[in-house]
């Protein structure tokens, strides 16, 4: 998509974008989305250098966070989750990020910073969740895995230095899109959500004697990039 610089630039959102969607009818063409993408994220800045190339969205969702009209939002998956909850053959496991508990409280007018873990877990169970887990567990796994890999790179020379974290899928996508020659410096560890899903489908399934094929792992996080992450091989 080519845009005229005499008018505000808007972030173009492809229909196939796995992280975000855009309702053009709601767009007021204020340019806030493009400004944050250009000035804070750097993706739009790369696009301005060559507008004949496709807009290489990394799925971070910051454009949706600053859109005053809510024209850009995260791609919803709640209908799919609702159908899976209603399937008696499925075991639906929710994994929640720490900030969601605070955001949950904010949504119900609680004191800023309120940690509404009990209310959030209760709500998810009432909606049909079979299990609710905390992503802080796999965040610790990520720290241990990345730390072990760094020690191995330093002490045994098993990889190049420096080592960058791979915990953020938007950051990984940014590196792949704009600095592919530097991706060798990324840790080989999965993101916390990626590790959580793997542990649920292996260790947890084994402990509970559940067929992994019946488990549906649902991540409840504040990050739209994770919606793109789940679409990756």
Protein backbone atom coordinates (compact mmCIF):
# COMPACT_ATOMS: atom_id res chain seq x y z
CA UNK A 1 0.00 0.00 0.00
CA UNK A 2 1.41 3.41 -1.00
CA UNK A 3 0.49 6.45 1.07
CA UNK A 4 0.83 10.18 0.46
CA UNK A 5 3.09 11.92 3.01
CA UNK A 6 0.97 15.09 2.80
CA UNK A 7 -1.70 13.25 4.80
CA UNK A 8 -1.24 11.25 8.03
CA UNK A 9 0.11 7.75 7.45
CA UNK A 10 -1.96 4.84 8.78
CA UNK A 11 -0.75 1.35 9.58
CA UNK A 12 -2.02 -0.97 6.84
CA UNK A 13 -3.33 -4.23 8.29
CA UNK A 14 -3.47 -7.21 5.97
CA UNK A 15 -6.57 -9.42 6.22
CA UNK A 16 -4.29 -12.38 6.87
CA UNK A 17 -2.48 -10.71 9.79
CA UNK A 18 -2.60 -13.31 12.60
CA UNK A 19 -2.17 -10.79 15.44
CA UNK A 20 -4.37 -7.77 14.71
CA UNK A 21 -7.39 -6.76 12.63
CA UNK A 22 -8.54 -3.36 11.37
CA UNK A 23 -12.01 -1.98 10.79
CA UNK A 24 -11.45 0.70 8.15
CA UNK A 25 -14.93 2.12 8.77
CA UNK A 26 -13.87 3.16 12.29
CA UNK A 27 -10.54 4.70 11.24
CA UNK A 28 -10.45 8.50 11.66
CA UNK A 29 -7.08 8.73 9.86
CA UNK A 30 -5.48 10.41 12.87
CA UNK A 31 -2.13 8.73 12.25
CA UNK A 32 -1.52 7.69 15.88
CA UNK A 33 -0.99 4.06 14.84
CA UNK A 34 1.69 4.91 12.31
CA UNK A 35 3.38 7.37 14.68
CA UNK A 36 3.91 4.79 17.42
CA UNK A 37 5.03 2.22 14.86
CA UNK A 38 7.53 4.68 13.39
CA UNK A 39 8.82 6.41 16.51
CA UNK A 40 8.66 3.70 19.17
CA UNK A 41 8.79 0.37 17.34
CA UNK A 42 10.82 1.26 14.25
CA UNK A 43 8.90 -0.90 11.79
CA UNK A 44 7.20 2.01 10.03
CA UNK A 45 10.53 3.82 9.86
CA UNK A 46 11.87 0.92 7.78
CA UNK A 47 8.76 1.03 5.59
CA UNK A 48 9.20 4.74 4.84
CA UNK A 49 12.58 3.98 3.30
CA UNK A 50 10.96 1.75 0.68
CA UNK A 51 7.18 1.99 0.40
CA UNK A 52 7.10 -0.44 -2.49
CA UNK A 53 7.90 -3.27 -0.12
CA UNK A 54 5.21 -4.98 1.97
CA UNK A 55 4.59 -3.58 5.45
CA UNK A 56 6.43 -6.04 7.69
CA UNK A 57 4.21 -6.07 10.78
CA UNK A 58 5.78 -7.81 13.78
CA UNK A 59 2.44 -8.22 15.59
CA UNK A 60 3.38 -6.18 18.68
CA UNK A 61 -0.05 -4.53 18.77
CA UNK A 62 1.13 -1.09 19.89
CA UNK A 63 -0.90 0.44 17.07
CA UNK A 64 -4.05 -1.03 18.61
CA UNK A 65 -3.08 0.31 22.04
CA UNK A 66 -2.95 3.93 20.80
CA UNK A 67 -5.91 3.83 18.39
CA UNK A 68 -8.54 6.20 19.88
CA UNK A 69 -11.32 4.77 17.72
CA UNK A 70 -10.53 1.09 18.40
CA UNK A 71 -10.27 0.60 14.65
CA UNK A 72 -7.28 -1.71 15.23
CA UNK A 73 -7.76 -4.50 17.75
CA UNK A 74 -6.27 -7.86 18.58
CA UNK A 75 -7.56 -10.70 16.44
CA UNK A 76 -10.24 -12.38 18.58
CA UNK A 77 -10.21 -16.11 19.34
CA UNK A 78 -12.88 -16.27 22.03
CA UNK A 79 -15.46 -17.89 19.75
CA UNK A 80 -13.09 -20.75 18.99
CA UNK A 81 -12.31 -21.16 22.70
CA UNK A 82 -16.02 -21.12 23.55
CA UNK A 83 -16.69 -23.93 21.06
CA UNK A 84 -13.83 -26.01 22.44
CA UNK A 85 -15.03 -25.54 26.02
CA UNK A 86 -18.40 -26.92 24.99
CA UNK A 87 -16.78 -30.02 23.48
CA UNK A 88 -16.93 -32.75 26.17
CA UNK A 89 -13.98 -34.53 24.56
CA UNK A 90 -11.64 -31.60 25.15
CA UNK A 91 -9.67 -30.65 28.27
CA UNK A 92 -9.25 -26.88 28.19
CA UNK A 93 -6.26 -25.51 30.10
CA UNK A 94 -5.82 -21.76 30.55
CA UNK A 95 -2.40 -20.19 31.16
CA UNK A 96 -2.52 -16.61 32.40
CA UNK A 97 0.15 -13.92 32.43
CA UNK A 98 0.67 -11.91 35.67
CA UNK A 99 -0.40 -8.56 34.22
CA UNK A 100 -3.76 -10.00 33.19
CA UNK A 101 -4.77 -10.25 36.85
CA UNK A 102 -4.14 -6.52 37.30
CA UNK A 103 -5.87 -5.66 34.01
CA UNK A 104 -8.83 -7.80 35.07
CA UNK A 105 -9.18 -5.74 38.25
CA UNK A 106 -8.87 -2.47 36.31
CA UNK A 107 -11.72 -3.56 34.06
CA UNK A 108 -13.99 -3.87 37.08
CA UNK A 109 -13.04 -0.52 38.58
CA UNK A 110 -10.81 -1.85 41.34
CA UNK A 111 -8.05 0.20 42.94
CA UNK A 112 -5.14 0.59 40.45
CA UNK A 113 -2.65 -2.23 40.90
CA UNK A 114 -5.13 -4.62 42.52
CA UNK A 115 -4.04 -8.24 42.01
CA UNK A 116 -7.32 -10.00 41.24
CA UNK A 117 -6.00 -13.54 40.90
CA UNK A 118 -8.80 -15.29 42.79
CA UNK A 119 -11.51 -13.44 40.88
CA UNK A 120 -9.84 -14.13 37.54
CA UNK A 121 -9.36 -17.84 38.20
CA UNK A 122 -12.92 -18.09 39.48
CA UNK A 123 -14.23 -16.39 36.36
CA UNK A 124 -12.27 -18.71 34.05
CA UNK A 125 -13.48 -21.78 35.94
CA UNK A 126 -17.06 -20.50 35.74
CA UNK A 127 -16.63 -20.07 31.98
CA UNK A 128 -15.65 -23.72 31.68
CA UNK A 129 -11.89 -23.97 32.18
CA UNK A 130 -10.78 -27.41 33.35
CA UNK A 131 -7.48 -26.08 34.70
CA UNK A 132 -5.95 -22.62 35.16
CA UNK A 133 -2.17 -22.24 35.35
CA UNK A 134 0.25 -19.37 35.93
CA UNK A 135 2.72 -18.39 33.20
CA UNK A 136 5.20 -17.22 35.84
CA UNK A 137 6.14 -20.90 36.13
CA UNK A 138 7.30 -21.10 32.53
CA UNK A 139 8.82 -17.62 32.78
CA UNK A 140 11.14 -19.15 35.36
CA UNK A 141 11.81 -22.01 32.96
CA UNK A 142 12.78 -19.47 30.30
CA UNK A 143 15.22 -17.80 32.67
CA UNK A 144 16.81 -21.14 33.54
CA UNK A 145 17.02 -22.28 29.90
CA UNK A 146 18.40 -19.00 28.59
CA UNK A 147 20.83 -18.78 31.50
CA UNK A 148 22.08 -22.33 30.92
CA UNK A 149 22.47 -21.65 27.21
CA UNK A 150 24.42 -18.45 27.91
CA UNK A 151 26.80 -20.30 30.24
CA UNK A 152 27.27 -22.96 27.59
CA UNK A 153 28.06 -20.34 24.95
CA UNK A 154 30.55 -18.61 27.25
CA UNK A 155 32.25 -21.64 28.81
CA UNK A 156 32.02 -24.18 25.99
CA UNK A 157 31.80 -21.97 22.92
CA UNK A 158 28.58 -23.63 21.75
CA UNK A 159 27.20 -20.44 20.18
CA UNK A 160 28.02 -16.85 19.23
CA UNK A 161 28.03 -13.97 21.68
CA UNK A 162 26.32 -11.83 22.77
CA UNK A 163 23.14 -13.79 23.38
CA UNK A 164 19.77 -12.05 23.04
CA UNK A 165 16.59 -13.21 24.73
CA UNK A 166 13.98 -15.00 22.63
CA UNK A 167 11.12 -14.62 25.13
CA UNK A 168 9.23 -11.98 23.09
CA UNK A 169 7.74 -13.19 19.77
CA UNK A 170 7.47 -9.62 18.43
CA UNK A 171 11.18 -9.07 19.11
CA UNK A 172 12.04 -12.38 17.41
CA UNK A 173 9.93 -11.39 14.40
CA UNK A 174 11.63 -7.99 14.28
CA UNK A 175 15.03 -9.67 14.16
CA UNK A 176 13.89 -12.08 11.46
CA UNK A 177 12.40 -9.31 9.31
CA UNK A 178 15.06 -6.64 9.63
CA UNK A 179 18.23 -8.28 10.93
CA UNK A 180 18.16 -11.89 9.68
CA UNK A 181 21.95 -12.06 9.83
CA UNK A 182 21.76 -11.44 13.59
CA UNK A 183 19.21 -14.16 14.47
CA UNK A 184 22.06 -16.52 15.39
CA UNK A 185 22.52 -14.38 18.50
CA UNK A 186 18.97 -15.14 19.70
CA UNK A 187 18.58 -17.78 22.37
CA UNK A 188 17.24 -21.07 21.05
CA UNK A 189 14.81 -21.28 24.00
CA UNK A 190 11.07 -21.04 23.45
CA UNK A 191 9.07 -18.14 24.85
CA UNK A 192 7.37 -18.65 28.25
CA UNK A 193 4.05 -19.31 26.50
CA UNK A 194 5.75 -21.77 24.15
CA UNK A 195 7.33 -23.61 27.07
CA UNK A 196 4.08 -23.59 29.05
CA UNK A 197 2.20 -25.25 26.21
CA UNK A 198 4.92 -27.86 25.78
CA UNK A 199 4.97 -28.71 29.49
CA UNK A 200 1.17 -28.95 29.61
CA UNK A 201 1.12 -31.30 26.61
CA UNK A 202 3.91 -33.53 28.01
CA UNK A 203 4.63 -33.49 31.76
CA UNK A 204 1.15 -32.40 32.89
CA UNK A 205 -0.62 -34.77 30.48
CA UNK A 206 1.54 -37.63 31.75
CA UNK A 207 0.92 -36.80 35.42
CA UNK A 208 -2.84 -36.57 34.89
CA UNK A 209 -3.01 -39.53 32.48
CA UNK A 210 -4.62 -37.35 29.81
CA UNK A 211 -4.24 -37.88 26.08
CA UNK A 212 -2.30 -34.79 24.89
CA UNK A 213 -4.43 -34.70 21.75
CA UNK A 214 -7.45 -33.89 23.93
CA UNK A 215 -5.78 -30.93 25.64
CA UNK A 216 -6.50 -27.43 24.38
CA UNK A 217 -3.91 -24.96 25.68
CA UNK A 218 -5.29 -21.40 25.86
CA UNK A 219 -3.00 -18.47 26.67
CA UNK A 220 -4.50 -15.36 28.28
CA UNK A 221 -1.88 -12.65 27.88
CA UNK A 222 -1.60 -8.89 27.22
CA UNK A 223 0.46 -9.42 24.05
CA UNK A 224 -1.01 -9.62 20.54
CA UNK A 225 2.28 -11.01 19.18
CA UNK A 226 1.49 -14.30 20.90
CA UNK A 227 -1.50 -14.63 18.58
CA UNK A 228 0.99 -14.68 15.71
CA UNK A 229 3.33 -16.98 17.63
CA UNK A 230 0.75 -19.77 17.89
CA UNK A 231 0.41 -19.78 14.09
CA UNK A 232 4.09 -20.63 13.65
CA UNK A 233 5.36 -24.16 13.17
